[in-house]
N, C-alpha and C. Protein backbone atom coordinates (compact mmCIF):
# COMPACT_ATOMS: atom_id res chain seq x y z
N UNK A 1 0.93 -1.38 -0.01
CA UNK A 1 0.36 0.39 0.14
C UNK A 1 0.84 1.06 0.16
N UNK A 2 0.43 2.13 -0.65
CA UNK A 2 1.15 3.77 -0.85
C UNK A 2 0.70 4.68 -0.95
N UNK A 3 0.66 5.61 0.36
CA UNK A 3 -0.44 6.82 0.79
C UNK A 3 0.48 8.10 0.70
N UNK A 4 -0.50 9.09 0.22
CA UNK A 4 0.05 10.40 0.86
C UNK A 4 0.18 10.61 2.15
N UNK A 5 1.36 11.05 3.01
CA UNK A 5 1.37 11.20 4.65
C UNK A 5 0.58 12.12 4.94
N UNK A 6 0.50 13.61 4.36
CA UNK A 6 -0.65 14.29 4.59
C UNK A 6 -1.95 14.39 4.37
N UNK A 7 -2.26 13.71 3.16
CA UNK A 7 -3.89 13.34 3.44
C UNK A 7 -4.16 12.20 4.01
N UNK A 8 -3.62 11.18 4.23
CA UNK A 8 -3.80 9.48 5.03
C UNK A 8 -3.53 9.17 6.28
N UNK A 9 -3.18 10.81 7.02
CA UNK A 9 -2.62 10.61 8.23
C UNK A 9 -3.25 10.24 9.00
N UNK A 10 -4.66 10.55 8.92
CA UNK A 10 -5.65 10.42 10.21
C UNK A 10 -6.63 8.55 9.50
N UNK A 11 -6.11 8.26 8.36
CA UNK A 11 -6.77 6.78 8.06
C UNK A 11 -5.15 5.89 8.92
N UNK A 12 -4.34 6.80 8.94
CA UNK A 12 -2.99 5.69 9.11
C UNK A 12 -3.06 5.28 10.78
N UNK A 13 -3.10 6.18 11.11
CA UNK A 13 -3.14 6.38 13.02
C UNK A 13 -4.59 5.52 13.53
N UNK A 14 -5.69 5.84 12.08
CA UNK A 14 -6.88 5.05 12.64
C UNK A 14 -6.43 3.18 12.45
N UNK A 15 -5.85 3.00 11.88
CA UNK A 15 -5.44 1.45 11.34
C UNK A 15 -4.30 1.06 12.47
N UNK A 16 -3.80 2.05 13.43
CA UNK A 16 -2.47 1.93 14.20
C UNK A 16 -1.51 1.08 13.65
N UNK A 17 -1.25 2.25 13.06
CA UNK A 17 0.23 1.40 11.63
C UNK A 17 1.42 2.41 12.67
N UNK A 18 1.62 3.52 12.95
CA UNK A 18 2.23 3.70 13.36
C UNK A 18 2.75 3.57 14.85
N UNK A 19 2.08 2.83 15.49
CA UNK A 19 2.81 2.32 16.68
C UNK A 19 3.56 0.99 16.49
N UNK A 20 2.55 0.56 15.44
CA UNK A 20 3.46 -0.89 14.97
C UNK A 20 4.75 -0.86 14.49
N UNK A 21 5.11 0.21 14.29
CA UNK A 21 5.94 1.16 13.54
C UNK A 21 6.30 0.65 12.21
N UNK A 22 5.29 0.11 11.04
CA UNK A 22 4.74 -0.11 9.74
C UNK A 22 4.93 0.67 8.79
N UNK A 23 5.68 1.91 8.83
CA UNK A 23 5.67 2.79 7.86
C UNK A 23 7.20 2.80 7.58
N UNK A 24 7.58 2.94 6.31
CA UNK A 24 8.32 3.30 5.76
C UNK A 24 8.21 4.49 4.51
N UNK A 25 9.28 5.97 5.03
CA UNK A 25 8.87 6.86 4.82
C UNK A 25 9.56 7.60 4.36
N UNK A 26 10.85 7.22 4.18
CA UNK A 26 12.20 7.33 4.01
C UNK A 26 12.80 7.06 3.01
N UNK A 27 12.64 6.21 2.16
CA UNK A 27 12.85 5.62 0.79
C UNK A 27 13.04 7.13 -0.05
N UNK A 28 14.21 5.90 -0.83
CA UNK A 28 14.08 7.03 -2.62
C UNK A 28 13.60 6.48 -3.25
N UNK A 29 12.50 6.74 -3.21
CA UNK A 29 11.24 5.70 -4.32
C UNK A 29 10.41 6.78 -4.34
N UNK A 30 9.77 6.60 -5.64
CA UNK A 30 9.03 8.20 -6.65
C UNK A 30 7.76 7.50 -6.58
N UNK A 31 6.54 8.26 -6.91
CA UNK A 31 5.47 7.85 -7.77
C UNK A 31 6.10 8.56 -9.19
N UNK A 32 5.59 7.93 -10.34
CA UNK A 32 6.08 8.49 -11.60
C UNK A 32 5.15 8.74 -12.81
N UNK A 33 5.93 9.46 -13.56
CA UNK A 33 4.77 9.39 -14.89
C UNK A 33 3.31 9.88 -14.59
N UNK A 34 2.16 9.33 -15.12
CA UNK A 34 1.14 9.42 -15.03
C UNK A 34 0.63 9.52 -13.79
N UNK A 35 1.02 8.81 -13.53
CA UNK A 35 0.69 8.83 -11.64
C UNK A 35 0.92 10.22 -10.87
N UNK A 36 2.22 10.24 -11.11
CA UNK A 36 2.50 11.40 -9.90
C UNK A 36 2.11 12.31 -10.63
N UNK A 37 1.20 12.95 -11.57
CA UNK A 37 0.71 14.04 -12.89
C UNK A 37 -0.59 14.22 -11.34
N UNK A 38 -1.23 12.72 -11.86
CA UNK A 38 -2.69 12.91 -11.02
C UNK A 38 -2.54 12.70 -9.28
N UNK A 39 -1.38 12.34 -9.00
CA UNK A 39 -1.47 12.73 -7.60
C UNK A 39 -1.07 13.75 -7.12
N UNK A 40 -0.35 14.57 -7.92
CA UNK A 40 -0.01 16.27 -7.99
C UNK A 40 1.52 16.10 -6.55
N UNK A 41 1.88 15.00 -6.71
CA UNK A 41 3.45 14.63 -6.41
C UNK A 41 4.05 13.31 -6.29
N UNK A 42 5.34 13.38 -5.87
CA UNK A 42 5.94 12.44 -6.17
C UNK A 42 6.53 11.60 -4.86
N UNK A 43 6.67 11.83 -4.05
CA UNK A 43 7.13 11.09 -2.62
C UNK A 43 5.79 11.00 -1.80
N UNK A 44 6.42 9.48 -1.70
CA UNK A 44 4.81 8.90 -0.98
C UNK A 44 5.06 7.86 0.42
N UNK A 45 4.18 7.27 1.11
CA UNK A 45 4.91 6.60 2.28
C UNK A 45 4.54 4.75 1.91
N UNK A 46 4.95 3.87 2.41
CA UNK A 46 4.69 2.36 2.17
C UNK A 46 4.25 2.10 3.26
N UNK A 47 2.94 1.38 3.88
CA UNK A 47 2.68 0.79 4.86
C UNK A 47 2.30 -0.44 4.59
N UNK A 48 2.07 -1.10 5.30
CA UNK A 48 1.63 -3.12 5.48
C UNK A 48 2.59 -3.69 5.92
N UNK A 49 3.62 -2.75 6.05
CA UNK A 49 5.12 -4.06 5.65
C UNK A 49 4.82 -5.01 6.60
N UNK A 50 4.18 -5.00 8.06
CA UNK A 50 4.38 -6.26 8.47
C UNK A 50 3.81 -7.57 8.00
N UNK A 51 3.04 -6.89 7.30
CA UNK A 51 1.95 -7.51 6.04
C UNK A 51 2.72 -8.77 5.16
N UNK A 52 3.69 -8.08 4.95
CA UNK A 52 4.82 -8.41 3.40
C UNK A 52 6.41 -8.59 4.21
N UNK A 53 6.94 -9.38 5.12
CA UNK A 53 8.08 -10.31 5.52
C UNK A 53 8.77 -10.05 4.84
N UNK A 54 8.72 -10.60 3.49
CA UNK A 54 9.96 -11.01 2.58
C UNK A 54 10.41 -9.44 2.21
N UNK A 55 9.80 -8.36 2.04
CA UNK A 55 10.22 -7.42 1.77
C UNK A 55 10.89 -6.27 2.93
N UNK A 56 11.74 -7.24 4.09
CA UNK A 56 11.79 -6.04 4.39
C UNK A 56 13.27 -7.14 4.91
N UNK A 57 13.98 -6.02 5.91
CA UNK A 57 15.26 -6.61 6.64
C UNK A 57 15.78 -6.10 7.97
N UNK A 58 16.47 -6.61 8.50
CA UNK A 58 16.98 -5.55 9.76
C UNK A 58 18.03 -5.00 9.62
N UNK A 59 18.87 -4.43 10.44
CA UNK A 59 19.83 -3.27 10.49
C UNK A 59 19.26 -2.19 11.76
N UNK A 60 20.09 -1.28 12.04
CA UNK A 60 20.40 -0.58 13.36
C UNK A 60 20.01 0.90 12.68
N UNK A 61 19.91 1.76 12.97
CA UNK A 61 18.95 2.56 13.01
C UNK A 61 20.34 4.02 12.49
N UNK A 62 20.40 4.47 11.75
CA UNK A 62 22.06 5.23 11.33
C UNK A 62 21.37 6.87 11.65
N UNK A 63 22.50 7.77 12.13
CA UNK A 63 21.97 8.60 11.76
C UNK A 63 23.14 9.49 10.64
N UNK A 64 24.59 8.67 10.60
CA UNK A 64 24.85 9.20 9.52
C UNK A 64 26.27 7.77 9.20
N UNK A 65 26.87 8.00 7.88
CA UNK A 65 27.56 6.97 7.74
C UNK A 65 28.87 7.76 6.50
N UNK A 66 30.01 7.68 6.96
CA UNK A 66 31.50 8.67 6.56
C UNK A 66 32.10 6.93 6.41
N UNK A 67 32.35 6.47 4.83
CA UNK A 67 32.62 5.18 4.56
C UNK A 67 32.24 4.22 5.01
N UNK A 68 33.19 3.83 6.04
CA UNK A 68 32.22 2.22 6.41
C UNK A 68 32.02 2.81 7.68
N UNK A 69 31.78 3.68 8.10
CA UNK A 69 31.98 3.87 9.94
C UNK A 69 30.68 4.31 9.91
N UNK A 70 29.52 4.04 10.99
CA UNK A 70 28.23 4.90 10.60
C UNK A 70 28.14 5.18 12.56
N UNK A 71 27.43 6.07 12.70
CA UNK A 71 26.88 7.21 13.64
C UNK A 71 25.43 6.60 13.98
N UNK A 72 25.55 5.54 14.52
CA UNK A 72 23.79 5.20 14.90
C UNK A 72 22.75 6.02 16.14
N UNK A 73 21.50 6.05 15.64
CA UNK A 73 20.75 6.70 16.90
C UNK A 73 20.74 5.91 17.89
N UNK A 74 20.35 4.48 17.52
CA UNK A 74 20.18 2.92 18.81
C UNK A 74 20.81 1.64 18.65
N UNK A 75 20.53 1.04 19.04
CA UNK A 75 21.24 -0.29 19.15
C UNK A 75 20.85 -1.47 18.75
N UNK A 76 19.58 -0.87 19.00
CA UNK A 76 17.93 -1.64 18.76
C UNK A 76 17.52 -2.00 17.70
N UNK A 77 17.99 -3.03 17.03
CA UNK A 77 17.39 -3.69 15.81
C UNK A 77 15.77 -3.39 15.40
N UNK A 78 15.63 -2.80 13.74
CA UNK A 78 14.55 -2.78 13.67
C UNK A 78 14.60 -3.18 11.86
N UNK A 79 13.63 -3.64 11.39
CA UNK A 79 13.30 -3.86 10.28
C UNK A 79 13.01 -2.28 9.40
N UNK A 80 13.97 -2.26 8.09
CA UNK A 80 13.28 -1.61 6.94
C UNK A 80 13.10 -2.00 5.85
N UNK A 81 12.48 -1.84 4.61
CA UNK A 81 12.19 -2.17 3.33
C UNK A 81 13.30 -2.35 3.01
N UNK A 82 13.26 -3.67 2.34
CA UNK A 82 14.42 -3.89 1.34
C UNK A 82 13.74 -4.76 0.23
N UNK A 83 12.79 -4.06 -0.98
CA UNK A 83 12.82 -4.65 -1.94
C UNK A 83 13.32 -4.74 -3.27
N UNK A 84 13.18 -5.94 -3.84
CA UNK A 84 13.64 -6.51 -5.22
C UNK A 84 12.98 -6.67 -6.04
N UNK A 85 12.07 -6.07 -6.91
CA UNK A 85 11.06 -6.55 -8.12
C UNK A 85 10.36 -5.63 -8.29
N UNK A 86 9.31 -6.38 -8.90
CA UNK A 86 7.88 -5.95 -9.42
C UNK A 86 6.51 -6.12 -8.42
N UNK A 87 6.38 -5.14 -8.09
CA UNK A 87 5.02 -5.35 -7.04
C UNK A 87 4.09 -4.67 -7.46
N UNK A 88 2.36 -5.47 -7.56
CA UNK A 88 1.43 -5.04 -7.90
C UNK A 88 1.02 -3.85 -6.73
N UNK A 89 0.94 -2.73 -6.72
CA UNK A 89 0.50 -2.11 -5.45
C UNK A 89 -1.24 -1.24 -5.20
N UNK A 90 -1.55 -1.18 -4.47
CA UNK A 90 -2.26 0.28 -4.22
C UNK A 90 -1.91 1.47 -4.20
N UNK A 91 -2.39 2.07 -4.52
CA UNK A 91 -2.34 3.45 -4.34
C UNK A 91 -3.55 4.59 -4.04
N UNK A 92 -3.60 4.95 -2.54
CA UNK A 92 -4.62 5.93 -2.66
C UNK A 92 -5.49 6.98 -2.88
N UNK A 93 -6.57 6.69 -3.61
CA UNK A 93 -7.18 7.57 -4.14
C UNK A 93 -6.90 7.45 -6.18
N UNK A 94 -6.75 6.60 -6.29
CA UNK A 94 -5.87 6.27 -7.26
C UNK A 94 -6.66 4.73 -8.10
N UNK A 95 -7.90 4.66 -8.64
CA UNK A 95 -8.70 3.68 -9.42
C UNK A 95 -7.80 2.87 -9.63
N UNK A 96 -7.31 3.03 -10.50
CA UNK A 96 -6.44 2.45 -11.88
C UNK A 96 -5.82 1.71 -11.04
N UNK A 97 -5.18 0.12 -11.44
CA UNK A 97 -4.21 -0.74 -11.19
C UNK A 97 -2.23 0.55 -11.02
N UNK A 98 -1.52 -0.27 -10.25
CA UNK A 98 -0.33 0.20 -10.24
C UNK A 98 0.64 -0.75 -9.72
N UNK A 99 1.90 -0.75 -10.48
CA UNK A 99 2.61 -1.35 -10.56
C UNK A 99 4.05 -0.70 -9.76
N UNK A 100 4.72 -1.06 -9.28
CA UNK A 100 5.46 -0.82 -8.48
C UNK A 100 6.82 -1.73 -8.86
N UNK A 101 8.48 -0.91 -9.45
CA UNK A 101 9.10 -1.29 -9.16
C UNK A 101 10.56 -1.04 -8.11
N UNK A 102 10.71 -2.04 -7.64
CA UNK A 102 11.90 -1.86 -6.51
C UNK A 102 12.83 -1.95 -6.59
N UNK A 103 14.05 -1.59 -6.07
CA UNK A 103 15.82 -2.36 -5.83
C UNK A 103 16.13 -1.88 -5.06
N UNK A 104 17.02 -2.31 -4.64
CA UNK A 104 18.16 -1.54 -3.35
C UNK A 104 19.32 -1.72 -4.03
N UNK A 105 20.32 -0.40 -3.31
CA UNK A 105 20.96 0.49 -4.92
C UNK A 105 22.46 0.07 -3.38
N UNK A 106 23.28 0.27 -3.80
CA UNK A 106 24.52 0.15 -2.58
C UNK A 106 24.85 -0.25 -1.31
N UNK A 107 23.86 -1.70 -1.43
CA UNK A 107 24.41 -2.65 0.09
C UNK A 107 25.53 -2.85 0.39
N UNK A 108 25.92 -2.54 1.29
CA UNK A 108 26.58 -2.72 2.25
C UNK A 108 27.13 -2.56 3.57
N UNK A 109 28.32 -3.49 4.33
CA UNK A 109 28.74 -3.86 5.85
C UNK A 109 29.18 -2.29 6.27
N UNK A 110 28.80 -1.67 6.96
CA UNK A 110 28.91 -0.52 7.97
C UNK A 110 29.25 -0.96 9.30
N UNK A 111 30.06 -0.45 10.16
CA UNK A 111 29.93 -0.54 11.39
C UNK A 111 30.23 0.85 12.16
N UNK A 112 29.80 0.46 13.67
CA UNK A 112 29.39 1.75 14.53
C UNK A 112 30.92 2.15 15.39
N UNK A 113 30.96 3.01 16.00
CA UNK A 113 32.12 3.10 16.69
C UNK A 113 32.29 2.05 17.61
N UNK A 114 31.30 1.15 18.21
CA UNK A 114 32.03 -0.02 19.18
C UNK A 114 32.34 -0.82 18.24
N UNK A 115 32.47 -0.95 17.26
CA UNK A 115 32.66 -1.89 16.24
C UNK A 115 31.26 -2.67 15.57
N UNK A 116 30.37 -2.52 16.11
CA UNK A 116 29.08 -3.85 15.30
C UNK A 116 28.70 -3.44 14.00
N UNK A 117 28.55 -4.06 12.95
CA UNK A 117 28.78 -4.62 11.85
C UNK A 117 27.29 -4.34 12.07
N UNK A 118 26.61 -4.21 11.07
CA UNK A 118 25.69 -3.96 9.75
C UNK A 118 25.02 -3.63 8.48
N UNK A 119 24.18 -4.50 8.49
CA UNK A 119 24.09 -3.82 6.20
C UNK A 119 23.39 -2.82 6.33
N UNK A 120 23.61 -1.58 5.60
CA UNK A 120 22.58 -0.92 5.49
C UNK A 120 22.58 -0.82 3.21
N UNK A 121 21.28 -0.03 3.21
CA UNK A 121 20.94 0.28 1.55
C UNK A 121 20.37 1.14 1.34
N UNK A 122 20.68 1.63 0.39
CA UNK A 122 19.82 2.87 -0.35
C UNK A 122 18.32 1.75 -1.32
N UNK A 123 17.13 2.15 -1.24
CA UNK A 123 16.05 1.42 -1.89
C UNK A 123 15.73 2.92 -3.11
N UNK A 124 15.67 1.94 -3.58
CA UNK A 124 15.08 2.73 -4.94
C UNK A 124 13.58 2.59 -5.50
N UNK A 125 13.19 3.16 -6.30
CA UNK A 125 12.19 2.36 -6.82
C UNK A 125 10.89 3.77 -7.49
N UNK A 126 10.41 2.95 -8.84
CA UNK A 126 9.18 4.02 -9.13
C UNK A 126 8.05 3.13 -9.14
N UNK A 127 6.82 3.93 -9.09
CA UNK A 127 5.90 3.23 -8.79
C UNK A 127 5.11 3.67 -10.29
N UNK A 128 4.44 2.86 -10.97
CA UNK A 128 3.46 3.72 -12.01
C UNK A 128 1.86 3.08 -12.34
N UNK A 129 1.63 3.83 -13.33
CA UNK A 129 -0.28 3.32 -13.32
C UNK A 129 0.37 1.93 -14.17
N UNK A 130 -0.30 1.31 -13.94
CA UNK A 130 -0.04 -0.32 -14.94
C UNK A 130 -0.50 -0.17 -16.77
N UNK A 131 -1.45 1.17 -17.03
CA UNK A 131 -1.50 1.28 -17.78
C UNK A 131 -0.41 2.97 -18.52
N UNK A 132 0.71 3.26 -17.79
CA UNK A 132 0.95 3.79 -18.36
C UNK A 132 2.24 3.60 -18.75
N UNK A 133 2.26 2.80 -19.63
CA UNK A 133 4.06 2.10 -20.79
C UNK A 133 5.03 3.11 -20.96
N UNK A 134 4.61 3.99 -20.89
CA UNK A 134 6.25 4.59 -20.97
C UNK A 134 7.09 4.70 -19.56
N UNK A 135 6.34 5.07 -18.66
CA UNK A 135 6.78 5.23 -17.43
C UNK A 135 7.11 3.76 -16.88
N UNK A 136 6.71 3.16 -17.10
CA UNK A 136 6.89 1.11 -16.75
C UNK A 136 8.13 0.68 -17.65
N UNK A 137 8.08 1.64 -18.58
CA UNK A 137 9.46 1.38 -19.61
C UNK A 137 11.00 1.67 -18.98
N UNK A 138 10.47 2.88 -18.10
CA UNK A 138 11.55 3.71 -17.81
C UNK A 138 11.60 3.29 -16.41
N UNK A 139 10.57 2.26 -15.21
CA UNK A 139 11.43 2.13 -14.33
C UNK A 139 11.69 0.70 -14.35
N UNK A 140 11.58 -0.20 -15.12
CA UNK A 140 11.65 -1.10 -15.50
C UNK A 140 13.76 -1.19 -15.91
N UNK A 141 14.06 -0.12 -16.98
CA UNK A 141 14.85 0.12 -16.79
C UNK A 141 15.78 0.40 -16.01
N UNK A 142 15.66 1.62 -15.20
CA UNK A 142 16.33 2.02 -14.55
C UNK A 142 16.30 0.36 -13.55
N UNK A 143 15.05 -0.29 -12.86
CA UNK A 143 15.51 -1.53 -11.66
C UNK A 143 16.46 -2.37 -12.27
N UNK A 144 16.44 -2.36 -13.44
CA UNK A 144 17.48 -3.96 -14.13
C UNK A 144 18.91 -3.35 -13.81
N UNK A 145 19.01 -1.71 -14.36
CA UNK A 145 20.32 -1.40 -14.06
C UNK A 145 20.68 -0.67 -12.65
N UNK A 146 20.04 -1.51 -11.72
CA UNK A 146 20.32 -1.01 -10.51
C UNK A 146 20.72 0.39 -10.18
N UNK A 147 20.00 1.45 -10.92
CA UNK A 147 20.49 3.06 -10.85
C UNK A 147 20.41 3.36 -9.28
N UNK A 148 21.28 4.45 -9.18
CA UNK A 148 21.51 4.72 -7.88
C UNK A 148 20.58 6.28 -7.80
N UNK A 149 20.41 6.52 -9.23
CA UNK A 149 20.20 8.42 -9.22
C UNK A 149 18.61 7.62 -9.88
N UNK A 150 17.44 8.45 -9.98
CA UNK A 150 16.19 8.72 -10.70
C UNK A 150 16.07 9.81 -11.47
């Protein structure tokens, strides 16, 4: 599921997704093509990740990374989106079927100041209307290249 944080905040709170840590709003993936035009924005939030555990991976919350050194916010492990592939998705407010193309870029091991090693990655992706062949072609190409830049 994908939603606009501002418009769907009350719906998400009602569904108690926030306290379950079930949101991913900080990845570098975007609504694209005709879908972006219909929504009027390109950044959105994924939720219901607990219902699809294969698309999550455990890591630490980090503040900054320089080289292979990470400054962490907390040593408590948590999960973040780690998706690679094509997925049918729903976008709130959009009646047409949509498809997401997700991939991870720059997955690597880093270590904390205490020497604890953990994996980090950059999630990338594009979400399009299933009918938007131009956007789908572009998204599929970016996914196959595992592009760092969108």
